[in-house]
């Protein structure tokens, strides 16, 4: 077994690295490049709602970069962030393509592209308050047309 110390932003990270052993001995070969283990799924939301996409990865080495891309643009860059929540959606977001990309010193991995479907919000019609039927009958049809 060997030890590796990696300095990142002033913090020390100790990694245990098991090297292949001799024939007949158990050995562990670490997964260097990250691997996507949970793919983001397509989401359908009503207009005005948010959508949350979730993904996960595996690697035996420190992840240095996590990105959520929306239509190819970086929307969220966080270390260790396995989910991305959109701002409140509009109909213009219908069809947005969301992808999870992770990397470390040994490589990178990209998830499948998940689609965002935005459904138009139901039309909300506000009706006027009902008037008193008796008052409506007694009101003159045309004000100012009374008798002389």
C-alpha atoms as a PDB file:
ATOM      1  CA  UNK A   1       0.000   0.000   0.000  1.00  0.00           C
ATOM      2  CA  UNK A   2       1.230   3.492  -0.747  1.00  0.00           C
ATOM      3  CA  UNK A   3       0.024   6.819   0.497  1.00  0.00           C
ATOM      4  CA  UNK A   4      -0.406   9.867  -1.658  1.00  0.00           C
ATOM      5  CA  UNK A   5      -0.867  13.363  -0.284  1.00  0.00           C
ATOM      6  CA  UNK A   6      -2.566  15.856  -2.589  1.00  0.00           C
ATOM      7  CA  UNK A   7      -2.744  19.562  -1.777  1.00  0.00           C
ATOM      8  CA  UNK A   8      -5.793  21.341  -3.111  1.00  0.00           C
ATOM      9  CA  UNK A   9      -6.568  24.933  -2.156  1.00  0.00           C
ATOM     10  CA  UNK A  10      -4.380  24.641   0.919  1.00  0.00           C
ATOM     11  CA  UNK A  11      -6.085  21.484   2.179  1.00  0.00           C
ATOM     12  CA  UNK A  12      -4.283  18.149   2.365  1.00  0.00           C
ATOM     13  CA  UNK A  13      -6.115  15.098   1.083  1.00  0.00           C
ATOM     14  CA  UNK A  14      -4.608  11.712   1.889  1.00  0.00           C
ATOM     15  CA  UNK A  15      -5.430   8.944  -0.558  1.00  0.00           C
ATOM     16  CA  UNK A  16      -4.747   5.297   0.084  1.00  0.00           C
ATOM     17  CA  UNK A  17      -3.633   3.616  -3.110  1.00  0.00           C
ATOM     18  CA  UNK A  18      -3.538  -0.164  -3.237  1.00  0.00           C
ATOM     19  CA  UNK A  19      -1.193  -1.373  -5.930  1.00  0.00           C
ATOM     20  CA  UNK A  20      -1.618  -4.743  -7.645  1.00  0.00           C
ATOM     21  CA  UNK A  21      -0.092  -7.443  -5.490  1.00  0.00           C
ATOM     22  CA  UNK A  22       1.810 -10.574  -6.383  1.00  0.00           C
ATOM     23  CA  UNK A  23       0.058 -13.556  -7.932  1.00  0.00           C
ATOM     24  CA  UNK A  24      -2.179 -15.295  -5.422  1.00  0.00           C
ATOM     25  CA  UNK A  25      -2.639 -12.202  -3.258  1.00  0.00           C
ATOM     26  CA  UNK A  26      -5.700 -10.009  -3.117  1.00  0.00           C
ATOM     27  CA  UNK A  27      -5.219  -6.652  -4.749  1.00  0.00           C
ATOM     28  CA  UNK A  28      -7.302  -3.569  -5.288  1.00  0.00           C
ATOM     29  CA  UNK A  29      -7.012  -1.412  -8.372  1.00  0.00           C
ATOM     30  CA  UNK A  30      -8.655   1.955  -7.858  1.00  0.00           C
ATOM     31  CA  UNK A  31     -11.074   3.503 -10.319  1.00  0.00           C
ATOM     32  CA  UNK A  32      -9.117   6.562 -11.399  1.00  0.00           C
ATOM     33  CA  UNK A  33     -11.382   8.326 -13.868  1.00  0.00           C
ATOM     34  CA  UNK A  34     -14.886   9.093 -12.587  1.00  0.00           C
ATOM     35  CA  UNK A  35     -17.809   6.956 -13.715  1.00  0.00           C
ATOM     36  CA  UNK A  36     -21.440   8.117 -13.795  1.00  0.00           C
ATOM     37  CA  UNK A  37     -23.476   5.748 -11.595  1.00  0.00           C
ATOM     38  CA  UNK A  38     -26.829   7.570 -11.588  1.00  0.00           C
ATOM     39  CA  UNK A  39     -28.017   9.263 -14.775  1.00  0.00           C
ATOM     40  CA  UNK A  40     -30.263  12.357 -14.667  1.00  0.00           C
ATOM     41  CA  UNK A  41     -33.804  11.671 -15.842  1.00  0.00           C
ATOM     42  CA  UNK A  42     -36.130  13.747 -18.036  1.00  0.00           C
ATOM     43  CA  UNK A  43     -38.364  16.097 -16.027  1.00  0.00           C
ATOM     44  CA  UNK A  44     -41.832  17.518 -16.763  1.00  0.00           C
ATOM     45  CA  UNK A  45     -43.066  20.531 -14.790  1.00  0.00           C
ATOM     46  CA  UNK A  46     -45.790  23.137 -15.030  1.00  0.00           C
ATOM     47  CA  UNK A  47     -44.758  26.582 -16.206  1.00  0.00           C
ATOM     48  CA  UNK A  48     -43.502  28.590 -13.222  1.00  0.00           C
ATOM     49  CA  UNK A  49     -42.327  25.520 -11.270  1.00  0.00           C
ATOM     50  CA  UNK A  50     -38.714  24.447 -10.761  1.00  0.00           C
ATOM     51  CA  UNK A  51     -37.251  21.117 -11.882  1.00  0.00           C
ATOM     52  CA  UNK A  52     -34.539  19.170 -10.058  1.00  0.00           C
ATOM     53  CA  UNK A  53     -32.112  16.899 -11.889  1.00  0.00           C
ATOM     54  CA  UNK A  54     -30.053  14.383  -9.891  1.00  0.00           C
ATOM     55  CA  UNK A  55     -26.933  12.409 -10.825  1.00  0.00           C
ATOM     56  CA  UNK A  56     -24.119  10.590  -9.060  1.00  0.00           C
ATOM     57  CA  UNK A  57     -20.668   9.268  -9.797  1.00  0.00           C
ATOM     58  CA  UNK A  58     -17.983   6.970  -8.461  1.00  0.00           C
ATOM     59  CA  UNK A  59     -14.235   7.361  -8.326  1.00  0.00           C
ATOM     60  CA  UNK A  60     -11.575   6.439  -5.817  1.00  0.00           C
ATOM     61  CA  UNK A  61      -9.829   9.741  -6.347  1.00  0.00           C
ATOM     62  CA  UNK A  62     -10.756  13.305  -5.504  1.00  0.00           C
ATOM     63  CA  UNK A  63     -13.325  14.917  -7.845  1.00  0.00           C
ATOM     64  CA  UNK A  64     -12.040  18.330  -8.886  1.00  0.00           C
ATOM     65  CA  UNK A  65     -14.878  19.633 -11.019  1.00  0.00           C
ATOM     66  CA  UNK A  66     -18.659  19.127 -11.100  1.00  0.00           C
ATOM     67  CA  UNK A  67     -20.695  20.939 -13.727  1.00  0.00           C
ATOM     68  CA  UNK A  68     -24.327  21.063 -14.706  1.00  0.00           C
ATOM     69  CA  UNK A  69     -24.723  22.139 -18.317  1.00  0.00           C
ATOM     70  CA  UNK A  70     -27.994  23.484 -19.697  1.00  0.00           C
ATOM     71  CA  UNK A  71     -27.997  23.662 -23.488  1.00  0.00           C
ATOM     72  CA  UNK A  72     -24.195  23.459 -23.321  1.00  0.00           C
ATOM     73  CA  UNK A  73     -23.806  26.391 -20.914  1.00  0.00           C
ATOM     74  CA  UNK A  74     -22.427  25.919 -17.416  1.00  0.00           C
ATOM     75  CA  UNK A  75     -25.256  26.692 -14.993  1.00  0.00           C
ATOM     76  CA  UNK A  76     -23.888  25.297 -11.748  1.00  0.00           C
ATOM     77  CA  UNK A  77     -20.318  24.574 -10.729  1.00  0.00           C
ATOM     78  CA  UNK A  78     -20.050  23.052  -7.272  1.00  0.00           C
ATOM     79  CA  UNK A  79     -17.778  20.508  -5.672  1.00  0.00           C
ATOM     80  CA  UNK A  80     -19.785  17.431  -4.777  1.00  0.00           C
ATOM     81  CA  UNK A  81     -23.120  18.799  -5.958  1.00  0.00           C
ATOM     82  CA  UNK A  82     -25.146  15.863  -7.298  1.00  0.00           C
ATOM     83  CA  UNK A  83     -28.298  17.809  -8.115  1.00  0.00           C
ATOM     84  CA  UNK A  84     -29.289  20.906 -10.040  1.00  0.00           C
ATOM     85  CA  UNK A  85     -32.535  22.838  -9.553  1.00  0.00           C
ATOM     86  CA  UNK A  86     -33.647  25.174 -12.306  1.00  0.00           C
ATOM     87  CA  UNK A  87     -34.992  28.646 -11.648  1.00  0.00           C
ATOM     88  CA  UNK A  88     -38.791  28.922 -12.090  1.00  0.00           C
ATOM     89  CA  UNK A  89     -39.430  27.724 -15.644  1.00  0.00           C
ATOM     90  CA  UNK A  90     -41.021  29.504 -18.580  1.00  0.00           C
ATOM     91  CA  UNK A  91     -42.339  28.043 -21.813  1.00  0.00           C
ATOM     92  CA  UNK A  92     -39.033  29.111 -23.394  1.00  0.00           C
ATOM     93  CA  UNK A  93     -37.323  26.426 -21.244  1.00  0.00           C
ATOM     94  CA  UNK A  94     -39.313  23.622 -22.878  1.00  0.00           C
ATOM     95  CA  UNK A  95     -36.811  21.283 -24.520  1.00  0.00           C
ATOM     96  CA  UNK A  96     -33.787  22.442 -22.494  1.00  0.00           C
ATOM     97  CA  UNK A  97     -31.034  19.821 -22.454  1.00  0.00           C
ATOM     98  CA  UNK A  98     -29.416  19.163 -19.057  1.00  0.00           C
ATOM     99  CA  UNK A  99     -26.165  17.229 -18.573  1.00  0.00           C
ATOM    100  CA  UNK A 100     -23.917  16.366 -15.596  1.00  0.00           C
ATOM    101  CA  UNK A 101     -20.137  16.501 -16.183  1.00  0.00           C
ATOM    102  CA  UNK A 102     -17.495  15.540 -13.621  1.00  0.00           C
ATOM    103  CA  UNK A 103     -13.719  15.348 -13.778  1.00  0.00           C
ATOM    104  CA  UNK A 104     -10.588  14.709 -11.797  1.00  0.00           C
ATOM    105  CA  UNK A 105      -6.888  14.479 -12.602  1.00  0.00           C
ATOM    106  CA  UNK A 106      -7.436  11.148 -14.411  1.00  0.00           C
ATOM    107  CA  UNK A 107     -10.289  12.030 -16.724  1.00  0.00           C
ATOM    108  CA  UNK A 108     -13.877  13.107 -17.004  1.00  0.00           C
ATOM    109  CA  UNK A 109     -17.315  11.602 -17.488  1.00  0.00           C
ATOM    110  CA  UNK A 110     -20.516  13.011 -18.937  1.00  0.00           C
ATOM    111  CA  UNK A 111     -24.032  11.832 -18.181  1.00  0.00           C
ATOM    112  CA  UNK A 112     -26.785  11.274 -20.669  1.00  0.00           C
ATOM    113  CA  UNK A 113     -28.638  14.387 -21.760  1.00  0.00           C
ATOM    114  CA  UNK A 114     -31.904  14.785 -19.832  1.00  0.00           C
ATOM    115  CA  UNK A 115     -34.732  16.848 -21.308  1.00  0.00           C
ATOM    116  CA  UNK A 116     -36.860  19.432 -19.541  1.00  0.00           C
ATOM    117  CA  UNK A 117     -40.517  19.527 -20.592  1.00  0.00           C
ATOM    118  CA  UNK A 118     -42.479  22.627 -19.535  1.00  0.00           C
ATOM    119  CA  UNK A 119     -46.252  22.308 -19.612  1.00  0.00           C
ATOM    120  CA  UNK A 120     -48.288  25.528 -19.973  1.00  0.00           C
ATOM    121  CA  UNK A 121     -49.875  26.511 -16.684  1.00  0.00           C
ATOM    122  CA  UNK A 122     -53.659  26.181 -16.648  1.00  0.00           C
ATOM    123  CA  UNK A 123     -55.447  29.397 -17.507  1.00  0.00           C
ATOM    124  CA  UNK A 124     -56.874  30.999 -14.386  1.00  0.00           C
ATOM    125  CA  UNK A 125     -60.023  32.948 -15.108  1.00  0.00           C
ATOM    126  CA  UNK A 126     -61.266  35.303 -12.431  1.00  0.00           C
ATOM    127  CA  UNK A 127     -64.958  35.969 -12.632  1.00  0.00           C
ATOM    128  CA  UNK A 128     -66.482  39.148 -11.171  1.00  0.00           C
ATOM    129  CA  UNK A 129     -68.280  38.876  -7.876  1.00  0.00           C
ATOM    130  CA  UNK A 130     -71.953  37.942  -8.399  1.00  0.00           C
ATOM    131  CA  UNK A 131     -74.317  40.872  -7.989  1.00  0.00           C
ATOM    132  CA  UNK A 132     -77.550  40.824  -6.065  1.00  0.00           C
ATOM    133  CA  UNK A 133     -80.219  39.753  -8.614  1.00  0.00           C
ATOM    134  CA  UNK A 134     -82.937  41.987  -7.062  1.00  0.00           C
ATOM    135  CA  UNK A 135     -80.692  45.056  -7.207  1.00  0.00           C
ATOM    136  CA  UNK A 136     -79.824  44.298 -10.831  1.00  0.00           C
ATOM    137  CA  UNK A 137     -83.529  44.231 -11.795  1.00  0.00           C
ATOM    138  CA  UNK A 138     -84.291  47.539 -10.029  1.00  0.00           C
ATOM    139  CA  UNK A 139     -81.348  49.437 -11.483  1.00  0.00           C
ATOM    140  CA  UNK A 140     -82.318  51.625 -14.455  1.00  0.00           C
ATOM    141  CA  UNK A 141     -81.073  50.349 -17.793  1.00  0.00           C
ATOM    142  CA  UNK A 142     -79.903  53.819 -18.829  1.00  0.00           C
ATOM    143  CA  UNK A 143     -79.190  56.328 -16.079  1.00  0.00           C
ATOM    144  CA  UNK A 144     -80.763  59.729 -16.561  1.00  0.00           C
ATOM    145  CA  UNK A 145     -83.721  58.475 -18.629  1.00  0.00           C
ATOM    146  CA  UNK A 146     -86.356  58.855 -15.917  1.00  0.00           C
ATOM    147  CA  UNK A 147     -89.712  60.742 -16.329  1.00  0.00           C
ATOM    148  CA  UNK A 148     -90.086  64.568 -16.377  1.00  0.00           C
END
